[in-house]
Amino acid sequence: MVRVLPTLLLLTLACACTVRSASDRVLFDGKYFRASARSVDKRASPADFTVTVNGVSASLDGAREAGRYEATRFCVQNFGSSRIEWKAGPDAEPQTMRVENDKLTFSGKCQRP
């Protein structure tokens, strides 16, 4: 029991640091969009990435901006710059955007400062 408490305390603290409260969420067009960005291939070209935004049916404009925001965060955190060369980005015409299963997908390349 004595050994379990420190472990339990550490797990609780670790979880508390990674969970975002509703007040920490960034809203776009008044809605929250779950978005994620990741490298296409970390070894071959680490600056190339894709962004996936869920719930695009709630607001295309909001999903676009959520994708732009997530891409910018990704590039700043990993490459120190917010400059992005979009391959398929948020400024494209709506009919050319990749939307499948209520998910919007962008791709681009982070530019170094």
Protein backbone atom coordinates (compact mmCIF):
# COMPACT_ATOMS: atom_id res chain seq x y z
CA MET A 1 0.00 0.00 0.00
CA VAL A 2 2.84 2.42 0.81
CA ARG A 3 4.46 1.89 -2.61
CA VAL A 4 1.17 2.25 -4.44
CA LEU A 5 0.47 5.78 -3.13
CA PRO A 6 3.54 7.48 -4.67
CA THR A 7 2.89 5.74 -7.98
CA LEU A 8 -0.78 6.70 -7.91
CA LEU A 9 0.14 10.29 -7.06
CA LEU A 10 2.60 10.49 -9.97
CA LEU A 11 0.05 9.08 -12.41
CA THR A 12 -2.57 11.55 -11.21
CA LEU A 13 -0.20 14.47 -11.64
CA ALA A 14 0.87 13.31 -15.08
CA CYS A 15 -2.73 12.99 -16.22
CA ALA A 16 -3.66 16.38 -14.78
CA CYS A 17 -0.92 18.07 -16.80
CA THR A 18 -2.06 16.68 -20.14
CA VAL A 19 -5.82 17.10 -19.85
CA ARG A 20 -7.16 20.37 -21.22
CA SER A 21 -10.21 21.85 -19.62
CA ALA A 22 -13.09 23.23 -21.64
CA SER A 23 -11.95 26.77 -20.79
CA ASP A 24 -8.52 26.10 -22.38
CA ARG A 25 -10.00 25.08 -25.73
CA VAL A 26 -9.72 27.42 -28.69
CA LEU A 27 -13.04 27.92 -30.47
CA PHE A 28 -13.41 28.58 -34.19
CA ASP A 29 -16.67 29.96 -35.50
CA GLY A 30 -17.99 29.40 -31.96
CA LYS A 31 -17.24 25.67 -31.99
CA TYR A 32 -14.49 23.36 -30.79
CA PHE A 33 -12.84 21.17 -33.43
CA ARG A 34 -10.60 18.25 -32.54
CA ALA A 35 -7.54 18.56 -34.78
CA SER A 36 -4.18 16.86 -34.99
CA ALA A 37 -1.02 17.45 -37.00
CA ARG A 38 1.72 14.93 -37.62
CA SER A 39 4.78 14.45 -39.80
CA VAL A 40 4.27 12.46 -42.96
CA ASP A 41 7.68 10.77 -42.63
CA LYS A 42 9.92 11.94 -39.79
CA ARG A 43 13.08 10.45 -41.30
CA ALA A 44 12.76 11.35 -44.97
CA SER A 45 11.13 14.78 -44.70
CA PRO A 46 10.28 15.82 -41.13
CA ALA A 47 8.90 19.22 -42.21
CA ASP A 48 6.13 17.64 -44.33
CA PHE A 49 2.93 17.22 -42.33
CA THR A 50 -0.78 16.53 -42.52
CA VAL A 51 -3.51 18.04 -40.39
CA THR A 52 -6.82 16.32 -39.76
CA VAL A 53 -9.81 18.24 -38.40
CA ASN A 54 -12.84 16.33 -37.12
CA GLY A 55 -16.42 17.57 -37.28
CA VAL A 56 -16.16 19.66 -40.43
CA SER A 57 -19.95 19.46 -40.90
CA ALA A 58 -20.39 21.79 -37.90
CA SER A 59 -18.69 24.64 -39.81
CA LEU A 60 -16.39 24.51 -42.81
CA ASP A 61 -14.97 27.95 -42.01
CA GLY A 62 -14.35 26.96 -38.40
CA ALA A 63 -12.71 23.68 -39.43
CA ARG A 64 -10.46 25.53 -41.88
CA GLU A 65 -9.23 27.88 -39.19
CA ALA A 66 -8.81 25.04 -36.67
CA GLY A 67 -6.62 23.27 -39.23
CA ARG A 68 -4.58 26.40 -39.88
CA TYR A 69 -4.13 26.89 -36.12
CA GLU A 70 -3.06 23.27 -35.53
CA ALA A 71 -0.60 23.42 -38.45
CA THR A 72 0.91 26.64 -37.14
CA ARG A 73 1.27 25.14 -33.66
CA PHE A 74 2.96 22.08 -35.14
CA CYS A 75 5.46 24.12 -37.15
CA VAL A 76 6.29 26.51 -34.31
CA GLN A 77 6.81 23.66 -31.83
CA ASN A 78 8.92 21.55 -34.17
CA PHE A 79 10.71 24.07 -36.40
CA GLY A 80 10.49 27.43 -34.64
CA SER A 81 8.57 29.16 -37.43
CA SER A 82 4.94 29.71 -38.31
CA ARG A 83 5.69 29.88 -42.04
CA ILE A 84 3.96 27.12 -44.00
CA GLU A 85 4.11 26.14 -47.65
CA TRP A 86 0.67 24.60 -48.19
CA LYS A 87 0.15 21.73 -50.61
CA ALA A 88 -3.57 21.51 -49.79
CA GLY A 89 -4.41 24.23 -47.31
CA PRO A 90 -7.16 26.24 -45.68
CA ASP A 91 -7.19 28.94 -48.37
CA ALA A 92 -8.14 26.52 -51.16
CA GLU A 93 -11.56 26.64 -52.79
CA PRO A 94 -14.12 24.63 -50.77
CA GLN A 95 -14.83 22.22 -53.64
CA THR A 96 -11.15 21.23 -53.83
CA MET A 97 -10.76 20.45 -50.11
CA ARG A 98 -10.32 16.87 -48.95
CA VAL A 99 -13.34 16.03 -46.80
CA GLU A 100 -14.10 12.42 -45.97
CA ASN A 101 -16.12 10.93 -43.10
CA ASP A 102 -16.66 14.42 -41.61
CA LYS A 103 -12.87 14.98 -41.48
CA LEU A 104 -11.00 17.74 -43.28
CA THR A 105 -7.38 17.04 -44.22
CA PHE A 106 -4.68 19.58 -45.10
CA SER A 107 -1.06 19.02 -46.00
CA GLY A 108 1.93 21.28 -46.09
CA LYS A 109 5.55 21.82 -45.27
CA CYS A 110 6.97 23.83 -42.38
CA GLN A 111 9.44 26.48 -43.49
CA ARG A 112 12.51 27.13 -41.40
CA PRO A 113 13.07 30.65 -40.09
